[in-house]
Amino acid sequence: MAQATKINRGRKFDQVLNGAREVFLRDGFEGASVDDIAKESGVSKATLYSYFPDKRLMFLEVAKTECQRQADEALEEINFDQPPEVVLSIAARQIIDFMVSDLGQGIYRLCVAEGERFPELGRAFYASGPGLVHRTLLEYFQKAVARGDLAVDDLDLAAHLFAEMCKADLHSKLVFGMAGKFDAADKERVIQGAVAMFMARYGTQKPR
């Protein structure tokens, strides 16, 4: 029988979600136990299950909330009136930091492992993660093109290309277990490369 795929909200929902976030960030999806989450949240297991009948749903809700939080922080940092090199560098750093984080890796593994049985998990995360990044890039590209800072004939494709370039080298090493952590120099190498490649294709070389 299929597991429940609906969460219920109540008075202690945020309390449980915050506790789950702490445990998932500390122990990852596989290492997190329902007992530890209930203890961290200060609620009984019965209360926890009344909100989240499945640990997958709890993890996904934490992931969606974390994605939105990071997106809000990124938007506060980014001034859409800045030149593409500045905005894209900030965006690339946000994309990479989340991708290589324990939470980001956990989400990816969960979506791959459960995608066939629970496709709604992948769709929900895409909307709050990669989809949100895509929409934000599109919004910026439209403004940059209107200013003459970029020359983009296919905005949708350009946004996908930039996000994919931010995965260069790092993502495959994570997926195949070649590396688990990356230092600032590793990340900066990819950030600079992705921005340089993007500007070589879409930059107008407009003097500043």
Protein backbone atom coordinates (compact mmCIF):
# COMPACT_ATOMS: atom_id res chain seq x y z
CA MET A 1 0.00 0.00 0.00
CA ALA A 2 1.32 3.44 -0.92
CA GLN A 3 2.50 5.61 1.94
CA ALA A 4 0.71 8.83 2.81
CA THR A 5 1.87 11.78 0.77
CA LYS A 6 0.12 14.65 2.51
CA ILE A 7 1.32 16.75 5.43
CA ASN A 8 -1.00 18.32 7.99
CA ARG A 9 -0.43 21.70 9.57
CA GLY A 10 -1.21 22.52 13.15
CA ARG A 11 -0.15 24.51 16.18
CA LYS A 12 3.24 22.81 16.58
CA PHE A 13 3.99 22.40 12.88
CA ASP A 14 6.76 25.03 12.77
CA GLN A 15 8.23 23.64 15.99
CA VAL A 16 8.47 20.19 14.43
CA LEU A 17 9.83 21.58 11.18
CA ASN A 18 12.59 23.50 12.97
CA GLY A 19 13.55 20.41 14.95
CA ALA A 20 13.62 18.31 11.80
CA ARG A 21 15.82 20.89 10.10
CA GLU A 22 18.40 20.71 12.88
CA VAL A 23 18.53 16.92 12.78
CA PHE A 24 18.60 16.62 8.99
CA LEU A 25 21.35 19.20 8.68
CA ARG A 26 23.34 17.39 11.36
CA ASP A 27 22.72 13.75 10.40
CA GLY A 28 21.46 13.77 6.82
CA PHE A 29 18.34 11.97 5.61
CA GLU A 30 19.51 8.41 6.20
CA GLY A 31 21.10 9.17 9.57
CA ALA A 32 18.16 11.11 10.97
CA SER A 33 15.82 9.09 13.17
CA VAL A 34 12.23 9.94 13.96
CA ASP A 35 13.06 9.58 17.66
CA ASP A 36 15.82 12.20 17.38
CA ILE A 37 13.58 14.57 15.44
CA ALA A 38 10.78 14.24 18.00
CA LYS A 39 13.26 14.87 20.82
CA GLU A 40 14.81 17.89 19.08
CA SER A 41 11.33 19.27 18.38
CA GLY A 42 10.11 18.75 21.93
CA VAL A 43 7.07 16.76 20.87
CA SER A 44 5.91 13.17 21.05
CA LYS A 45 6.28 10.81 18.09
CA ALA A 46 2.49 10.74 17.85
CA THR A 47 2.41 14.52 17.41
CA LEU A 48 5.21 14.36 14.86
CA TYR A 49 3.41 11.70 12.81
CA SER A 50 0.19 13.69 12.95
CA TYR A 51 1.93 16.36 10.88
CA PHE A 52 4.29 14.23 8.80
CA PRO A 53 3.19 10.62 8.17
CA ASP A 54 6.39 9.94 6.20
CA LYS A 55 10.01 10.96 6.89
CA ARG A 56 10.43 11.70 3.19
CA LEU A 57 7.74 14.35 3.37
CA MET A 58 9.36 15.88 6.42
CA PHE A 59 12.72 16.04 4.66
CA LEU A 60 11.16 17.52 1.54
CA GLU A 61 9.36 20.21 3.56
CA VAL A 62 12.63 21.09 5.30
CA ALA A 63 14.35 21.23 1.90
CA LYS A 64 11.66 23.47 0.40
CA THR A 65 11.80 25.81 3.38
CA GLU A 66 15.59 25.93 3.25
CA CYS A 67 15.56 26.62 -0.50
CA GLN A 68 13.18 29.52 0.00
CA ARG A 69 15.26 30.87 2.88
CA GLN A 70 18.44 30.77 0.83
CA ALA A 71 16.66 32.31 -2.14
CA ASP A 72 15.38 35.17 0.02
CA GLU A 73 18.89 35.77 1.35
CA ALA A 74 20.33 35.71 -2.17
CA LEU A 75 17.75 38.20 -3.41
CA GLU A 76 18.64 40.53 -0.55
CA GLU A 77 22.29 40.31 -1.57
CA ILE A 78 21.73 40.74 -5.29
CA ASN A 79 21.01 44.12 -6.82
CA PHE A 80 19.47 43.49 -10.23
CA ASP A 81 20.88 46.80 -11.43
CA GLN A 82 24.43 45.47 -11.06
CA PRO A 83 26.39 44.22 -14.10
CA PRO A 84 26.06 40.56 -15.12
CA GLU A 85 29.53 39.58 -13.89
CA VAL A 86 28.60 40.63 -10.36
CA VAL A 87 25.10 39.17 -10.28
CA LEU A 88 26.09 35.89 -11.91
CA SER A 89 29.00 35.41 -9.52
CA ILE A 90 26.67 35.78 -6.54
CA ALA A 91 24.10 33.47 -8.11
CA ALA A 92 26.73 30.85 -8.94
CA ARG A 93 28.05 30.90 -5.39
CA GLN A 94 24.53 30.34 -4.01
CA ILE A 95 23.88 27.48 -6.45
CA ILE A 96 27.17 25.76 -5.69
CA ASP A 97 27.00 26.19 -1.91
CA PHE A 98 23.60 24.53 -1.80
CA MET A 99 24.56 21.80 -4.27
CA VAL A 100 27.57 20.67 -2.24
CA SER A 101 25.87 21.02 1.16
CA ASP A 102 24.76 17.95 3.09
CA LEU A 103 21.14 19.01 2.65
CA GLY A 104 21.55 19.55 -1.08
CA GLN A 105 23.20 16.17 -1.54
CA GLY A 106 20.55 14.50 0.57
CA ILE A 107 17.76 15.97 -1.53
CA TYR A 108 19.41 14.84 -4.75
CA ARG A 109 19.92 11.28 -3.50
CA LEU A 110 16.37 11.08 -2.18
CA CYS A 111 14.84 12.32 -5.44
CA VAL A 112 16.89 9.83 -7.46
CA ALA A 113 16.16 6.91 -5.11
CA GLU A 114 12.45 7.60 -4.72
CA GLY A 115 11.69 9.36 -8.00
CA GLU A 116 9.95 6.40 -9.60
CA ARG A 117 7.76 5.51 -6.62
CA PHE A 118 7.14 9.08 -5.45
CA PRO A 119 7.48 11.41 -8.46
CA GLU A 120 5.68 14.17 -6.56
CA LEU A 121 8.73 14.52 -4.31
CA GLY A 122 10.97 15.39 -7.24
CA ARG A 123 8.42 17.75 -8.75
CA ALA A 124 7.92 19.57 -5.47
CA PHE A 125 11.64 20.01 -4.91
CA TYR A 126 12.23 21.14 -8.49
CA ALA A 127 9.66 23.89 -8.09
CA SER A 128 11.24 25.18 -4.87
CA GLY A 129 14.88 24.58 -5.85
CA PRO A 130 16.06 24.50 -9.48
CA GLY A 131 12.80 25.99 -10.70
CA LEU A 132 13.13 28.94 -8.34
CA VAL A 133 16.72 29.53 -9.47
CA HIS A 134 15.57 29.37 -13.09
CA ARG A 135 12.80 31.91 -12.59
CA THR A 136 15.16 34.29 -10.79
CA LEU A 137 17.77 34.07 -13.55
CA LEU A 138 15.10 34.69 -16.18
CA GLU A 139 13.95 37.81 -14.37
CA TYR A 140 17.48 39.16 -14.21
CA PHE A 141 18.32 38.28 -17.82
CA GLN A 142 15.25 40.12 -19.05
CA LYS A 143 16.40 43.28 -17.27
CA ALA A 144 20.03 42.87 -18.37
CA VAL A 145 18.99 42.40 -22.01
CA ALA A 146 16.76 45.48 -21.85
CA ARG A 147 19.74 47.50 -20.56
CA GLY A 148 22.00 46.16 -23.29
CA ASP A 149 24.28 44.30 -20.85
CA LEU A 150 23.45 40.92 -22.38
CA ALA A 151 22.42 39.73 -25.85
CA VAL A 152 20.31 36.60 -25.31
CA ASP A 153 18.11 35.12 -28.01
CA ASP A 154 16.72 32.28 -25.87
CA LEU A 155 16.34 33.39 -22.26
CA ASP A 156 14.99 30.05 -21.09
CA LEU A 157 17.93 28.09 -22.50
CA ALA A 158 20.46 30.63 -21.21
CA ALA A 159 19.14 30.25 -17.67
CA HIS A 160 19.39 26.46 -17.89
CA LEU A 161 22.89 26.64 -19.36
CA PHE A 162 24.20 28.87 -16.59
CA ALA A 163 22.81 26.65 -13.85
CA GLU A 164 24.34 23.59 -15.48
CA MET A 165 27.74 25.26 -15.83
CA CYS A 166 27.74 25.83 -12.09
CA LYS A 167 27.75 22.04 -11.67
CA ALA A 168 30.92 21.57 -13.73
CA ASP A 169 33.42 19.17 -12.14
CA LEU A 170 31.85 19.37 -8.68
CA HIS A 171 28.52 17.62 -9.24
CA SER A 172 29.90 14.51 -10.95
CA LYS A 173 32.53 14.07 -8.24
CA LEU A 174 29.82 14.21 -5.60
CA VAL A 175 27.52 11.79 -7.41
CA PHE A 176 30.23 9.19 -8.05
CA GLY A 177 31.84 9.50 -4.65
CA MET A 178 35.09 10.98 -5.91
CA ALA A 179 34.89 13.82 -3.39
CA GLY A 180 32.63 14.83 -0.54
CA LYS A 181 33.86 18.29 0.34
CA PHE A 182 35.24 21.20 -1.66
CA ASP A 183 37.24 24.16 -0.45
CA ALA A 184 36.77 27.81 -1.41
CA ALA A 185 39.33 27.57 -4.22
CA ASP A 186 37.50 24.62 -5.82
CA LYS A 187 34.24 26.55 -5.80
CA GLU A 188 35.77 29.82 -7.00
CA ARG A 189 37.37 28.04 -9.96
CA VAL A 190 33.95 26.87 -11.14
CA ILE A 191 32.27 30.22 -10.40
CA GLN A 192 34.80 32.17 -12.44
CA GLY A 193 34.71 29.64 -15.25
CA ALA A 194 30.91 29.59 -15.46
CA VAL A 195 30.65 33.39 -15.49
CA ALA A 196 33.45 33.76 -18.05
CA MET A 197 31.88 31.18 -20.36
CA PHE A 198 28.45 32.75 -20.04
CA MET A 199 29.73 36.25 -20.75
CA ALA A 200 31.77 35.01 -23.72
CA ARG A 201 28.54 33.72 -25.26
CA TYR A 202 26.01 36.34 -24.17
CA GLY A 203 27.97 39.40 -23.03
CA THR A 204 27.82 42.52 -25.18
CA GLN A 205 31.28 43.72 -24.12
CA LYS A 206 29.66 47.03 -23.37
CA PRO A 207 32.27 49.45 -21.91
CA ARG A 208 31.60 50.47 -18.32
